[in-house]
Amino acid sequence: EKYWRYMVQIKAWIFYLDLYREDSYKWEKRINVFSAIASST
């Protein structure tokens, strides 16, 4: 049971980090797009 809980915890952490990565990527992209549009137009 202890092993199982640890395995689940690690998988949950991977999913959590993936959501963090996705959110950070979206914000990074928004900032880049805004800067590009603002400077070129």
PDB file of all heavy atoms in Angstrom:
ATOM      1  N   GLU A   1       0.834  -1.208   0.000  1.00  0.00           N
ATOM      2  CA  GLU A   1       0.000   0.000   0.000  1.00  0.00           C
ATOM      3  C   GLU A   1       0.867   1.256   0.000  1.00  0.00           C
ATOM      4  O   GLU A   1       0.584   2.223  -0.707  1.00  0.00           O
ATOM      5  CB  GLU A   1      -0.935  -0.011   1.220  1.00  0.00           C
ATOM      6  CG  GLU A   1      -1.837   1.190   1.334  1.00  0.00           C
ATOM      7  CD  GLU A   1      -2.866   1.294   0.212  1.00  0.00           C
ATOM      8  OE1 GLU A   1      -3.245   0.258  -0.351  1.00  0.00           O
ATOM      9  OE2 GLU A   1      -3.276   2.428  -0.096  1.00  0.00           O
ATOM     10  N   LYS A   2       1.916   1.239   0.761  1.00  0.00           N
ATOM     11  CA  LYS A   2       2.842   2.373   0.819  1.00  0.00           C
ATOM     12  C   LYS A   2       3.504   2.590  -0.549  1.00  0.00           C
ATOM     13  O   LYS A   2       3.629   3.721  -1.024  1.00  0.00           O
ATOM     14  CB  LYS A   2       3.906   2.113   1.893  1.00  0.00           C
ATOM     15  CG  LYS A   2       4.805   3.277   2.178  1.00  0.00           C
ATOM     16  CD  LYS A   2       5.730   2.936   3.342  1.00  0.00           C
ATOM     17  CE  LYS A   2       6.611   4.091   3.692  1.00  0.00           C
ATOM     18  NZ  LYS A   2       7.519   3.789   4.803  1.00  0.00           N
ATOM     19  N   TYR A   3       3.909   1.508  -1.181  1.00  0.00           N
ATOM     20  CA  TYR A   3       4.520   1.579  -2.503  1.00  0.00           C
ATOM     21  C   TYR A   3       3.515   2.148  -3.503  1.00  0.00           C
ATOM     22  O   TYR A   3       3.839   3.036  -4.302  1.00  0.00           O
ATOM     23  CB  TYR A   3       4.985   0.182  -2.943  1.00  0.00           C
ATOM     24  CG  TYR A   3       5.812   0.194  -4.206  1.00  0.00           C
ATOM     25  CD1 TYR A   3       7.197   0.190  -4.142  1.00  0.00           C
ATOM     26  CD2 TYR A   3       5.217   0.207  -5.462  1.00  0.00           C
ATOM     27  CE1 TYR A   3       7.961   0.202  -5.300  1.00  0.00           C
ATOM     28  CE2 TYR A   3       5.965   0.219  -6.619  1.00  0.00           C
ATOM     29  CZ  TYR A   3       7.341   0.220  -6.537  1.00  0.00           C
ATOM     30  OH  TYR A   3       8.097   0.244  -7.676  1.00  0.00           O
ATOM     31  N   TRP A   4       2.288   1.625  -3.467  1.00  0.00           N
ATOM     32  CA  TRP A   4       1.236   2.076  -4.371  1.00  0.00           C
ATOM     33  C   TRP A   4       0.983   3.576  -4.212  1.00  0.00           C
ATOM     34  O   TRP A   4       0.896   4.309  -5.198  1.00  0.00           O
ATOM     35  CB  TRP A   4      -0.047   1.284  -4.120  1.00  0.00           C
ATOM     36  CG  TRP A   4      -1.222   1.790  -4.905  1.00  0.00           C
ATOM     37  CD1 TRP A   4      -2.220   2.607  -4.474  1.00  0.00           C
ATOM     38  CD2 TRP A   4      -1.499   1.518  -6.290  1.00  0.00           C
ATOM     39  NE1 TRP A   4      -3.102   2.855  -5.487  1.00  0.00           N
ATOM     40  CE2 TRP A   4      -2.686   2.203  -6.619  1.00  0.00           C
ATOM     41  CE3 TRP A   4      -0.866   0.769  -7.266  1.00  0.00           C
ATOM     42  CZ2 TRP A   4      -3.255   2.167  -7.882  1.00  0.00           C
ATOM     43  CZ3 TRP A   4      -1.429   0.730  -8.534  1.00  0.00           C
ATOM     44  CH2 TRP A   4      -2.603   1.420  -8.828  1.00  0.00           C
ATOM     45  N   ARG A   5       0.852   4.038  -2.985  1.00  0.00           N
ATOM     46  CA  ARG A   5       0.599   5.456  -2.731  1.00  0.00           C
ATOM     47  C   ARG A   5       1.735   6.325  -3.270  1.00  0.00           C
ATOM     48  O   ARG A   5       1.497   7.407  -3.818  1.00  0.00           O
ATOM     49  CB  ARG A   5       0.376   5.708  -1.244  1.00  0.00           C
ATOM     50  CG  ARG A   5      -1.003   5.297  -0.756  1.00  0.00           C
ATOM     51  CD  ARG A   5      -1.338   5.855   0.618  1.00  0.00           C
ATOM     52  NE  ARG A   5      -0.290   5.680   1.601  1.00  0.00           N
ATOM     53  CZ  ARG A   5      -0.205   4.665   2.451  1.00  0.00           C
ATOM     54  NH1 ARG A   5      -1.135   3.736   2.457  1.00  0.00           N
ATOM     55  NH2 ARG A   5       0.788   4.583   3.314  1.00  0.00           N
ATOM     56  N   TYR A   6       2.968   5.852  -3.134  1.00  0.00           N
ATOM     57  CA  TYR A   6       4.105   6.613  -3.632  1.00  0.00           C
ATOM     58  C   TYR A   6       4.072   6.669  -5.164  1.00  0.00           C
ATOM     59  O   TYR A   6       4.318   7.722  -5.758  1.00  0.00           O
ATOM     60  CB  TYR A   6       5.431   6.014  -3.141  1.00  0.00           C
ATOM     61  CG  TYR A   6       6.606   6.888  -3.473  1.00  0.00           C
ATOM     62  CD1 TYR A   6       6.804   8.097  -2.799  1.00  0.00           C
ATOM     63  CD2 TYR A   6       7.507   6.540  -4.473  1.00  0.00           C
ATOM     64  CE1 TYR A   6       7.867   8.915  -3.111  1.00  0.00           C
ATOM     65  CE2 TYR A   6       8.577   7.358  -4.788  1.00  0.00           C
ATOM     66  CZ  TYR A   6       8.750   8.547  -4.094  1.00  0.00           C
ATOM     67  OH  TYR A   6       9.796   9.368  -4.405  1.00  0.00           O
ATOM     68  N   MET A   7       3.741   5.561  -5.783  1.00  0.00           N
ATOM     69  CA  MET A   7       3.647   5.511  -7.243  1.00  0.00           C
ATOM     70  C   MET A   7       2.569   6.489  -7.730  1.00  0.00           C
ATOM     71  O   MET A   7       2.787   7.247  -8.684  1.00  0.00           O
ATOM     72  CB  MET A   7       3.333   4.083  -7.706  1.00  0.00           C
ATOM     73  CG  MET A   7       3.324   3.920  -9.205  1.00  0.00           C
ATOM     74  SD  MET A   7       3.218   2.189  -9.747  1.00  0.00           S
ATOM     75  CE  MET A   7       1.507   1.830  -9.392  1.00  0.00           C
ATOM     76  N   VAL A   8       1.427   6.515  -7.080  1.00  0.00           N
ATOM     77  CA  VAL A   8       0.341   7.427  -7.439  1.00  0.00           C
ATOM     78  C   VAL A   8       0.784   8.874  -7.235  1.00  0.00           C
ATOM     79  O   VAL A   8       0.513   9.746  -8.071  1.00  0.00           O
ATOM     80  CB  VAL A   8      -0.939   7.113  -6.625  1.00  0.00           C
ATOM     81  CG1 VAL A   8      -1.994   8.185  -6.813  1.00  0.00           C
ATOM     82  CG2 VAL A   8      -1.487   5.739  -7.004  1.00  0.00           C
ATOM     83  N   GLN A   9       1.476   9.127  -6.154  1.00  0.00           N
ATOM     84  CA  GLN A   9       1.945  10.476  -5.845  1.00  0.00           C
ATOM     85  C   GLN A   9       2.899  10.993  -6.929  1.00  0.00           C
ATOM     86  O   GLN A   9       2.787  12.146  -7.358  1.00  0.00           O
ATOM     87  CB  GLN A   9       2.645  10.476  -4.486  1.00  0.00           C
ATOM     88  CG  GLN A   9       3.195  11.817  -4.076  1.00  0.00           C
ATOM     89  CD  GLN A   9       3.966  11.732  -2.757  1.00  0.00           C
ATOM     90  OE1 GLN A   9       4.060  10.681  -2.130  1.00  0.00           O
ATOM     91  NE2 GLN A   9       4.517  12.844  -2.344  1.00  0.00           N
ATOM     92  N   ILE A  10       3.811  10.168  -7.382  1.00  0.00           N
ATOM     93  CA  ILE A  10       4.751  10.584  -8.418  1.00  0.00           C
ATOM     94  C   ILE A  10       4.017  10.866  -9.728  1.00  0.00           C
ATOM     95  O   ILE A  10       4.282  11.863 -10.412  1.00  0.00           O
ATOM     96  CB  ILE A  10       5.871   9.528  -8.625  1.00  0.00           C
ATOM     97  CG1 ILE A  10       6.739   9.402  -7.371  1.00  0.00           C
ATOM     98  CG2 ILE A  10       6.725   9.865  -9.847  1.00  0.00           C
ATOM     99  CD1 ILE A  10       7.526  10.650  -7.008  1.00  0.00           C
ATOM    100  N   LYS A  11       3.061  10.017 -10.091  1.00  0.00           N
ATOM    101  CA  LYS A  11       2.292  10.238 -11.325  1.00  0.00           C
ATOM    102  C   LYS A  11       1.482  11.524 -11.216  1.00  0.00           C
ATOM    103  O   LYS A  11       1.416  12.298 -12.181  1.00  0.00           O
ATOM    104  CB  LYS A  11       1.371   9.036 -11.598  1.00  0.00           C
ATOM    105  CG  LYS A  11       0.753   9.070 -12.968  1.00  0.00           C
ATOM    106  CD  LYS A  11       1.820   8.973 -14.046  1.00  0.00           C
ATOM    107  CE  LYS A  11       1.244   8.830 -15.423  1.00  0.00           C
ATOM    108  NZ  LYS A  11       2.288   8.770 -16.446  1.00  0.00           N
ATOM    109  N   ALA A  12       0.880  11.782 -10.076  1.00  0.00           N
ATOM    110  CA  ALA A  12       0.121  13.012  -9.870  1.00  0.00           C
ATOM    111  C   ALA A  12       1.029  14.230 -10.001  1.00  0.00           C
ATOM    112  O   ALA A  12       0.650  15.256 -10.590  1.00  0.00           O
ATOM    113  CB  ALA A  12      -0.557  12.997  -8.503  1.00  0.00           C
ATOM    114  N   TRP A  13       2.226  14.132  -9.485  1.00  0.00           N
ATOM    115  CA  TRP A  13       3.195  15.227  -9.557  1.00  0.00           C
ATOM    116  C   TRP A  13       3.564  15.493 -11.017  1.00  0.00           C
ATOM    117  O   TRP A  13       3.710  16.641 -11.441  1.00  0.00           O
ATOM    118  CB  TRP A  13       4.400  14.874  -8.717  1.00  0.00           C
ATOM    119  CG  TRP A  13       5.464  15.896  -8.485  1.00  0.00           C
ATOM    120  CD1 TRP A  13       6.798  15.647  -8.482  1.00  0.00           C
ATOM    121  CD2 TRP A  13       5.346  17.286  -8.183  1.00  0.00           C
ATOM    122  NE1 TRP A  13       7.503  16.795  -8.222  1.00  0.00           N
ATOM    123  CE2 TRP A  13       6.629  17.821  -8.033  1.00  0.00           C
ATOM    124  CE3 TRP A  13       4.265  18.140  -8.040  1.00  0.00           C
ATOM    125  CZ2 TRP A  13       6.873  19.172  -7.752  1.00  0.00           C
ATOM    126  CZ3 TRP A  13       4.506  19.497  -7.757  1.00  0.00           C
ATOM    127  CH2 TRP A  13       5.791  19.975  -7.611  1.00  0.00           C
ATOM    128  N   ILE A  14       3.696  14.449 -11.821  1.00  0.00           N
ATOM    129  CA  ILE A  14       4.009  14.604 -13.243  1.00  0.00           C
ATOM    130  C   ILE A  14       2.862  15.344 -13.945  1.00  0.00           C
ATOM    131  O   ILE A  14       3.093  16.279 -14.718  1.00  0.00           O
ATOM    132  CB  ILE A  14       4.290  13.248 -13.914  1.00  0.00           C
ATOM    133  CG1 ILE A  14       5.622  12.678 -13.402  1.00  0.00           C
ATOM    134  CG2 ILE A  14       4.302  13.366 -15.433  1.00  0.00           C
ATOM    135  CD1 ILE A  14       5.878  11.228 -13.769  1.00  0.00           C
ATOM    136  N   PHE A  15       1.626  14.949 -13.667  1.00  0.00           N
ATOM    137  CA  PHE A  15       0.472  15.633 -14.262  1.00  0.00           C
ATOM    138  C   PHE A  15       0.416  17.092 -13.806  1.00  0.00           C
ATOM    139  O   PHE A  15       0.129  17.994 -14.597  1.00  0.00           O
ATOM    140  CB  PHE A  15      -0.846  14.930 -13.901  1.00  0.00           C
ATOM    141  CG  PHE A  15      -1.082  13.660 -14.670  1.00  0.00           C
ATOM    142  CD1 PHE A  15      -1.466  12.510 -14.010  1.00  0.00           C
ATOM    143  CD2 PHE A  15      -0.945  13.608 -16.048  1.00  0.00           C
ATOM    144  CE1 PHE A  15      -1.711  11.327 -14.700  1.00  0.00           C
ATOM    145  CE2 PHE A  15      -1.184  12.437 -16.758  1.00  0.00           C
ATOM    146  CZ  PHE A  15      -1.569  11.294 -16.078  1.00  0.00           C
ATOM    147  N   TYR A  16       0.700  17.333 -12.537  1.00  0.00           N
ATOM    148  CA  TYR A  16       0.694  18.688 -11.975  1.00  0.00           C
ATOM    149  C   TYR A  16       1.747  19.544 -12.679  1.00  0.00           C
ATOM    150  O   TYR A  16       1.476  20.674 -13.089  1.00  0.00           O
ATOM    151  CB  TYR A  16       0.951  18.602 -10.471  1.00  0.00           C
ATOM    152  CG  TYR A  16       0.962  19.922  -9.749  1.00  0.00           C
ATOM    153  CD1 TYR A  16      -0.226  20.523  -9.348  1.00  0.00           C
ATOM    154  CD2 TYR A  16       2.153  20.559  -9.421  1.00  0.00           C
ATOM    155  CE1 TYR A  16      -0.226  21.722  -8.663  1.00  0.00           C
ATOM    156  CE2 TYR A  16       2.165  21.753  -8.744  1.00  0.00           C
ATOM    157  CZ  TYR A  16       0.965  22.336  -8.359  1.00  0.00           C
ATOM    158  OH  TYR A  16       0.983  23.535  -7.684  1.00  0.00           O
ATOM    159  N   LEU A  17       2.945  19.015 -12.826  1.00  0.00           N
ATOM    160  CA  LEU A  17       4.015  19.752 -13.493  1.00  0.00           C
ATOM    161  C   LEU A  17       3.678  20.018 -14.959  1.00  0.00           C
ATOM    162  O   LEU A  17       4.026  21.074 -15.503  1.00  0.00           O
ATOM    163  CB  LEU A  17       5.339  18.997 -13.387  1.00  0.00           C
ATOM    164  CG  LEU A  17       5.982  18.967 -12.012  1.00  0.00           C
ATOM    165  CD1 LEU A  17       7.183  18.028 -12.013  1.00  0.00           C
ATOM    166  CD2 LEU A  17       6.391  20.359 -11.569  1.00  0.00           C
ATOM    167  N   ASP A  18       3.000  19.078 -15.582  1.00  0.00           N
ATOM    168  CA  ASP A  18       2.609  19.274 -16.975  1.00  0.00           C
ATOM    169  C   ASP A  18       1.627  20.435 -17.101  1.00  0.00           C
ATOM    170  O   ASP A  18       1.706  21.228 -18.035  1.00  0.00           O
ATOM    171  CB  ASP A  18       2.016  17.984 -17.545  1.00  0.00           C
ATOM    172  CG  ASP A  18       1.855  18.055 -19.042  1.00  0.00           C
ATOM    173  OD1 ASP A  18       2.814  18.490 -19.730  1.00  0.00           O
ATOM    174  OD2 ASP A  18       0.786  17.684 -19.542  1.00  0.00           O
ATOM    175  N   LEU A  19       0.708  20.547 -16.162  1.00  0.00           N
ATOM    176  CA  LEU A  19      -0.222  21.680 -16.163  1.00  0.00           C
ATOM    177  C   LEU A  19       0.521  22.995 -15.918  1.00  0.00           C
ATOM    178  O   LEU A  19       0.228  24.013 -16.544  1.00  0.00           O
ATOM    179  CB  LEU A  19      -1.309  21.474 -15.108  1.00  0.00           C
ATOM    180  CG  LEU A  19      -2.291  20.348 -15.411  1.00  0.00           C
ATOM    181  CD1 LEU A  19      -3.100  19.984 -14.173  1.00  0.00           C
ATOM    182  CD2 LEU A  19      -3.202  20.727 -16.565  1.00  0.00           C
ATOM    183  N   TYR A  20       1.491  22.979 -15.016  1.00  0.00           N
ATOM    184  CA  TYR A  20       2.326  24.162 -14.753  1.00  0.00           C
ATOM    185  C   TYR A  20       3.088  24.548 -16.021  1.00  0.00           C
ATOM    186  O   TYR A  20       3.177  25.724 -16.390  1.00  0.00           O
ATOM    187  CB  TYR A  20       3.322  23.862 -13.631  1.00  0.00           C
ATOM    188  CG  TYR A  20       3.262  24.826 -12.478  1.00  0.00           C
ATOM    189  CD1 TYR A  20       2.914  24.399 -11.209  1.00  0.00           C
ATOM    190  CD2 TYR A  20       3.573  26.160 -12.647  1.00  0.00           C
ATOM    191  CE1 TYR A  20       2.880  25.267 -10.145  1.00  0.00           C
ATOM    192  CE2 TYR A  20       3.538  27.047 -11.581  1.00  0.00           C
ATOM    193  CZ  TYR A  20       3.188  26.598 -10.336  1.00  0.00           C
ATOM    194  OH  TYR A  20       3.144  27.474  -9.280  1.00  0.00           O
ATOM    195  N   ARG A  21       3.650  23.548 -16.690  1.00  0.00           N
ATOM    196  CA  ARG A  21       4.409  23.784 -17.921  1.00  0.00           C
ATOM    197  C   ARG A  21       3.510  24.398 -18.988  1.00  0.00           C
ATOM    198  O   ARG A  21       3.860  25.376 -19.637  1.00  0.00           O
ATOM    199  CB  ARG A  21       5.004  22.472 -18.440  1.00  0.00           C
ATOM    200  CG  ARG A  21       5.815  22.634 -19.734  1.00  0.00           C
ATOM    201  CD  ARG A  21       5.936  21.338 -20.501  1.00  0.00           C
ATOM    202  NE  ARG A  21       4.681  20.650 -20.733  1.00  0.00           N
ATOM    203  CZ  ARG A  21       3.797  20.964 -21.688  1.00  0.00           C
ATOM    204  NH1 ARG A  21       4.027  21.961 -22.501  1.00  0.00           N
ATOM    205  NH2 ARG A  21       2.671  20.268 -21.825  1.00  0.00           N
ATOM    206  N   GLU A  22       2.342  23.818 -19.148  1.00  0.00           N
ATOM    207  CA  GLU A  22       1.395  24.300 -20.152  1.00  0.00           C
ATOM    208  C   GLU A  22       0.984  25.748 -19.877  1.00  0.00           C
ATOM    209  O   GLU A  22       0.948  26.580 -20.783  1.00  0.00           O
ATOM    210  CB  GLU A  22       0.162  23.395 -20.141  1.00  0.00           C
ATOM    211  CG  GLU A  22      -0.816  23.642 -21.258  1.00  0.00           C
ATOM    212  CD  GLU A  22      -1.960  22.638 -21.190  1.00  0.00           C
ATOM    213  OE1 GLU A  22      -1.719  21.439 -21.374  1.00  0.00           O
ATOM    214  OE2 GLU A  22      -3.095  23.087 -20.942  1.00  0.00           O
ATOM    215  N   ASP A  23       0.695  26.063 -18.630  1.00  0.00           N
ATOM    216  CA  ASP A  23       0.303  27.417 -18.250  1.00  0.00           C
ATOM    217  C   ASP A  23       1.450  28.400 -18.478  1.00  0.00           C
ATOM    218  O   ASP A  23       1.242  29.491 -19.010  1.00  0.00           O
ATOM    219  CB  ASP A  23      -0.136  27.440 -16.779  1.00  0.00           C
ATOM    220  CG  ASP A  23      -0.652  28.797 -16.364  1.00  0.00           C
ATOM    221  OD1 ASP A  23      -1.740  29.193 -16.848  1.00  0.00           O
ATOM    222  OD2 ASP A  23       0.031  29.476 -15.562  1.00  0.00           O
ATOM    223  N   SER A  24       2.653  28.008 -18.096  1.00  0.00           N
ATOM    224  CA  SER A  24       3.817  28.880 -18.285  1.00  0.00           C
ATOM    225  C   SER A  24       4.065  29.122 -19.769  1.00  0.00           C
ATOM    226  O   SER A  24       4.383  30.242 -20.183  1.00  0.00           O
ATOM    227  CB  SER A  24       5.056  28.258 -17.647  1.00  0.00           C
ATOM    228  OG  SER A  24       4.892  28.158 -16.253  1.00  0.00           O
ATOM    229  N   TYR A  25       3.908  28.076 -20.569  1.00  0.00           N
ATOM    230  CA  TYR A  25       4.089  28.211 -22.019  1.00  0.00           C
ATOM    231  C   TYR A  25       3.064  29.187 -22.602  1.00  0.00           C
ATOM    232  O   TYR A  25       3.400  30.039 -23.434  1.00  0.00           O
ATOM    233  CB  TYR A  25       3.974  26.842 -22.697  1.00  0.00           C
ATOM    234  CG  TYR A  25       4.069  26.923 -24.193  1.00  0.00           C
ATOM    235  CD1 TYR A  25       5.298  27.110 -24.820  1.00  0.00           C
ATOM    236  CD2 TYR A  25       2.931  26.833 -24.983  1.00  0.00           C
ATOM    237  CE1 TYR A  25       5.385  27.212 -26.206  1.00  0.00           C
ATOM    238  CE2 TYR A  25       3.014  26.923 -26.362  1.00  0.00           C
ATOM    239  CZ  TYR A  25       4.235  27.118 -26.973  1.00  0.00           C
ATOM    240  OH  TYR A  25       4.312  27.210 -28.329  1.00  0.00           O
ATOM    241  N   LYS A  26       1.805  29.085 -22.167  1.00  0.00           N
ATOM    242  CA  LYS A  26       0.767  29.988 -22.661  1.00  0.00           C
ATOM    243  C   LYS A  26       1.093  31.439 -22.330  1.00  0.00           C
ATOM    244  O   LYS A  26       0.948  32.328 -23.173  1.00  0.00           O
ATOM    245  CB  LYS A  26      -0.597  29.611 -22.077  1.00  0.00           C
ATOM    246  CG  LYS A  26      -1.210  28.382 -22.685  1.00  0.00           C
ATOM    247  CD  LYS A  26      -2.527  28.057 -22.011  1.00  0.00           C
ATOM    248  CE  LYS A  26      -3.117  26.765 -22.511  1.00  0.00           C
ATOM    249  NZ  LYS A  26      -4.336  26.403 -21.771  1.00  0.00           N
ATOM    250  N   TRP A  27       1.521  31.692 -21.084  1.00  0.00           N
ATOM    251  CA  TRP A  27       1.866  33.057 -20.700  1.00  0.00           C
ATOM    252  C   TRP A  27       3.082  33.568 -21.457  1.00  0.00           C
ATOM    253  O   TRP A  27       3.117  34.717 -21.894  1.00  0.00           O
ATOM    254  CB  TRP A  27       2.087  33.161 -19.188  1.00  0.00           C
ATOM    255  CG  TRP A  27       0.787  33.321 -18.470  1.00  0.00           C
ATOM    256  CD1 TRP A  27       0.117  32.378 -17.748  1.00  0.00           C
ATOM    257  CD2 TRP A  27      -0.024  34.486 -18.449  1.00  0.00           C
ATOM    258  NE1 TRP A  27      -1.063  32.894 -17.280  1.00  0.00           N
ATOM    259  CE2 TRP A  27      -1.174  34.189 -17.688  1.00  0.00           C
ATOM    260  CE3 TRP A  27       0.096  35.761 -18.994  1.00  0.00           C
ATOM    261  CZ2 TRP A  27      -2.186  35.118 -17.467  1.00  0.00           C
ATOM    262  CZ3 TRP A  27      -0.912  36.689 -18.767  1.00  0.00           C
ATOM    263  CH2 TRP A  27      -2.042  36.359 -18.019  1.00  0.00           C
ATOM    264  N   GLU A  28       4.062  32.715 -21.628  1.00  0.00           N
ATOM    265  CA  GLU A  28       5.257  33.075 -22.392  1.00  0.00           C
ATOM    266  C   GLU A  28       4.860  33.444 -23.820  1.00  0.00           C
ATOM    267  O   GLU A  28       5.322  34.445 -24.367  1.00  0.00           O
ATOM    268  CB  GLU A  28       6.238  31.900 -22.380  1.00  0.00           C
ATOM    269  CG  GLU A  28       7.488  32.111 -23.184  1.00  0.00           C
ATOM    270  CD  GLU A  28       8.536  32.917 -22.466  1.00  0.00           C
ATOM    271  OE1 GLU A  28       8.328  33.284 -21.297  1.00  0.00           O
ATOM    272  OE2 GLU A  28       9.567  33.189 -23.089  1.00  0.00           O
ATOM    273  N   LYS A  29       4.007  32.649 -24.424  1.00  0.00           N
ATOM    274  CA  LYS A  29       3.566  32.895 -25.794  1.00  0.00           C
ATOM    275  C   LYS A  29       2.750  34.184 -25.882  1.00  0.00           C
ATOM    276  O   LYS A  29       2.926  34.967 -26.819  1.00  0.00           O
ATOM    277  CB  LYS A  29       2.749  31.705 -26.291  1.00  0.00           C
ATOM    278  CG  LYS A  29       2.474  31.734 -27.763  1.00  0.00           C
ATOM    279  CD  LYS A  29       1.842  30.432 -28.208  1.00  0.00           C
ATOM    280  CE  LYS A  29       1.637  30.441 -29.702  1.00  0.00           C
ATOM    281  NZ  LYS A  29       1.129  29.167 -30.192  1.00  0.00           N
ATOM    282  N   ARG A  30       1.864  34.414 -24.926  1.00  0.00           N
ATOM    283  CA  ARG A  30       1.053  35.641 -24.924  1.00  0.00           C
ATOM    284  C   ARG A  30       1.939  36.881 -24.878  1.00  0.00           C
ATOM    285  O   ARG A  30       1.700  37.857 -25.593  1.00  0.00           O
ATOM    286  CB  ARG A  30       0.105  35.646 -23.726  1.00  0.00           C
ATOM    287  CG  ARG A  30      -1.035  34.698 -23.842  1.00  0.00           C
ATOM    288  CD  ARG A  30      -1.842  34.664 -22.564  1.00  0.00           C
ATOM    289  NE  ARG A  30      -2.822  33.587 -22.611  1.00  0.00           N
ATOM    290  CZ  ARG A  30      -3.210  32.889 -21.565  1.00  0.00           C
ATOM    291  NH1 ARG A  30      -2.711  33.137 -20.359  1.00  0.00           N
ATOM    292  NH2 ARG A  30      -4.097  31.935 -21.697  1.00  0.00           N
ATOM    293  N   ILE A  31       2.930  36.838 -24.003  1.00  0.00           N
ATOM    294  CA  ILE A  31       3.836  37.983 -23.871  1.00  0.00           C
ATOM    295  C   ILE A  31       4.602  38.203 -25.170  1.00  0.00           C
ATOM    296  O   ILE A  31       4.734  39.338 -25.649  1.00  0.00           O
ATOM    297  CB  ILE A  31       4.793  37.779 -22.675  1.00  0.00           C
ATOM    298  CG1 ILE A  31       3.998  37.866 -21.360  1.00  0.00           C
ATOM    299  CG2 ILE A  31       5.928  38.795 -22.688  1.00  0.00           C
ATOM    300  CD1 ILE A  31       4.768  37.411 -20.140  1.00  0.00           C
ATOM    301  N   ASN A  32       5.095  37.116 -25.765  1.00  0.00           N
ATOM    302  CA  ASN A  32       5.843  37.227 -27.023  1.00  0.00           C
ATOM    303  C   ASN A  32       4.969  37.756 -28.154  1.00  0.00           C
ATOM    304  O   ASN A  32       5.405  38.606 -28.935  1.00  0.00           O
ATOM    305  CB  ASN A  32       6.449  35.887 -27.421  1.00  0.00           C
ATOM    306  CG  ASN A  32       7.583  35.489 -26.522  1.00  0.00           C
ATOM    307  OD1 ASN A  32       8.182  36.315 -25.847  1.00  0.00           O
ATOM    308  ND2 ASN A  32       7.902  34.206 -26.499  1.00  0.00           N
ATOM    309  N   VAL A  33       3.751  37.252 -28.262  1.00  0.00           N
ATOM    310  CA  VAL A  33       2.845  37.696 -29.324  1.00  0.00           C
ATOM    311  C   VAL A  33       2.482  39.161 -29.123  1.00  0.00           C
ATOM    312  O   VAL A  33       2.501  39.952 -30.080  1.00  0.00           O
ATOM    313  CB  VAL A  33       1.581  36.801 -29.383  1.00  0.00           C
ATOM    314  CG1 VAL A  33       0.498  37.416 -30.251  1.00  0.00           C
ATOM    315  CG2 VAL A  33       1.939  35.412 -29.885  1.00  0.00           C
ATOM    316  N   PHE A  34       2.160  39.551 -27.898  1.00  0.00           N
ATOM    317  CA  PHE A  34       1.828  40.949 -27.623  1.00  0.00           C
ATOM    318  C   PHE A  34       2.990  41.857 -27.989  1.00  0.00           C
ATOM    319  O   PHE A  34       2.805  42.882 -28.652  1.00  0.00           O
ATOM    320  CB  PHE A  34       1.453  41.149 -26.151  1.00  0.00           C
ATOM    321  CG  PHE A  34       1.209  42.592 -25.793  1.00  0.00           C
ATOM    322  CD1 PHE A  34       0.008  43.194 -26.111  1.00  0.00           C
ATOM    323  CD2 PHE A  34       2.197  43.345 -25.172  1.00  0.00           C
ATOM    324  CE1 PHE A  34      -0.206  44.525 -25.805  1.00  0.00           C
ATOM    325  CE2 PHE A  34       1.987  44.670 -24.856  1.00  0.00           C
ATOM    326  CZ  PHE A  34       0.775  45.273 -25.172  1.00  0.00           C
ATOM    327  N   SER A  35       4.193  41.488 -27.586  1.00  0.00           N
ATOM    328  CA  SER A  35       5.369  42.305 -27.888  1.00  0.00           C
ATOM    329  C   SER A  35       5.608  42.405 -29.386  1.00  0.00           C
ATOM    330  O   SER A  35       5.918  43.478 -29.900  1.00  0.00           O
ATOM    331  CB  SER A  35       6.617  41.728 -27.211  1.00  0.00           C
ATOM    332  OG  SER A  35       6.480  41.776 -25.820  1.00  0.00           O
ATOM    333  N   ALA A  36       5.460  41.300 -30.081  1.00  0.00           N
ATOM    334  CA  ALA A  36       5.674  41.305 -31.536  1.00  0.00           C
ATOM    335  C   ALA A  36       4.641  42.170 -32.243  1.00  0.00           C
ATOM    336  O   ALA A  36       4.987  42.973 -33.122  1.00  0.00           O
ATOM    337  CB  ALA A  36       5.631  39.878 -32.067  1.00  0.00           C
ATOM    338  N   ILE A  37       3.379  42.015 -31.869  1.00  0.00           N
ATOM    339  CA  ILE A  37       2.322  42.805 -32.504  1.00  0.00           C
ATOM    340  C   ILE A  37       2.496  44.280 -32.175  1.00  0.00           C
ATOM    341  O   ILE A  37       2.396  45.145 -33.059  1.00  0.00           O
ATOM    342  CB  ILE A  37       0.925  42.303 -32.077  1.00  0.00           C
ATOM    343  CG1 ILE A  37       0.654  40.937 -32.702  1.00  0.00           C
ATOM    344  CG2 ILE A  37      -0.157  43.291 -32.476  1.00  0.00           C
ATOM    345  CD1 ILE A  37      -0.598  40.257 -32.183  1.00  0.00           C
ATOM    346  N   ALA A  38       2.763  44.570 -30.915  1.00  0.00           N
ATOM    347  CA  ALA A  38       2.914  45.970 -30.496  1.00  0.00           C
ATOM    348  C   ALA A  38       4.076  46.640 -31.210  1.00  0.00           C
ATOM    349  O   ALA A  38       3.954  47.774 -31.684  1.00  0.00           O
ATOM    350  CB  ALA A  38       3.106  46.056 -28.993  1.00  0.00           C
ATOM    351  N   SER A  39       5.194  45.949 -31.317  1.00  0.00           N
ATOM    352  CA  SER A  39       6.357  46.582 -31.939  1.00  0.00           C
ATOM    353  C   SER A  39       6.212  46.691 -33.458  1.00  0.00           C
ATOM    354  O   SER A  39       6.685  47.658 -34.054  1.00  0.00           O
ATOM    355  CB  SER A  39       7.629  45.838 -31.574  1.00  0.00           C
ATOM    356  OG  SER A  39       7.598  44.537 -32.096  1.00  0.00           O
ATOM    357  N   SER A  40       5.544  45.745 -34.088  1.00  0.00           N
ATOM    358  CA  SER A  40       5.450  45.793 -35.555  1.00  0.00           C
ATOM    359  C   SER A  40       4.291  46.647 -36.055  1.00  0.00           C
ATOM    360  O   SER A  40       4.343  47.166 -37.162  1.00  0.00           O
ATOM    361  CB  SER A  40       5.348  44.386 -36.120  1.00  0.00           C
ATOM    362  OG  SER A  40       4.173  43.776 -35.688  1.00  0.00           O
ATOM    363  N   THR A  41       3.245  46.814 -35.272  1.00  0.00           N
ATOM    364  CA  THR A  41       2.087  47.578 -35.750  1.00  0.00           C
ATOM    365  C   THR A  41       1.983  48.969 -35.152  1.00  0.00           C
ATOM    366  O   THR A  41       1.258  49.803 -35.686  1.00  0.00           O
ATOM    367  CB  THR A  41       0.773  46.832 -35.437  1.00  0.00           C
ATOM    368  OG1 THR A  41       0.640  46.688 -34.027  1.00  0.00           O
ATOM    369  CG2 THR A  41       0.711  45.507 -36.148  1.00  0.00           C
TER     370      THR A  41
END
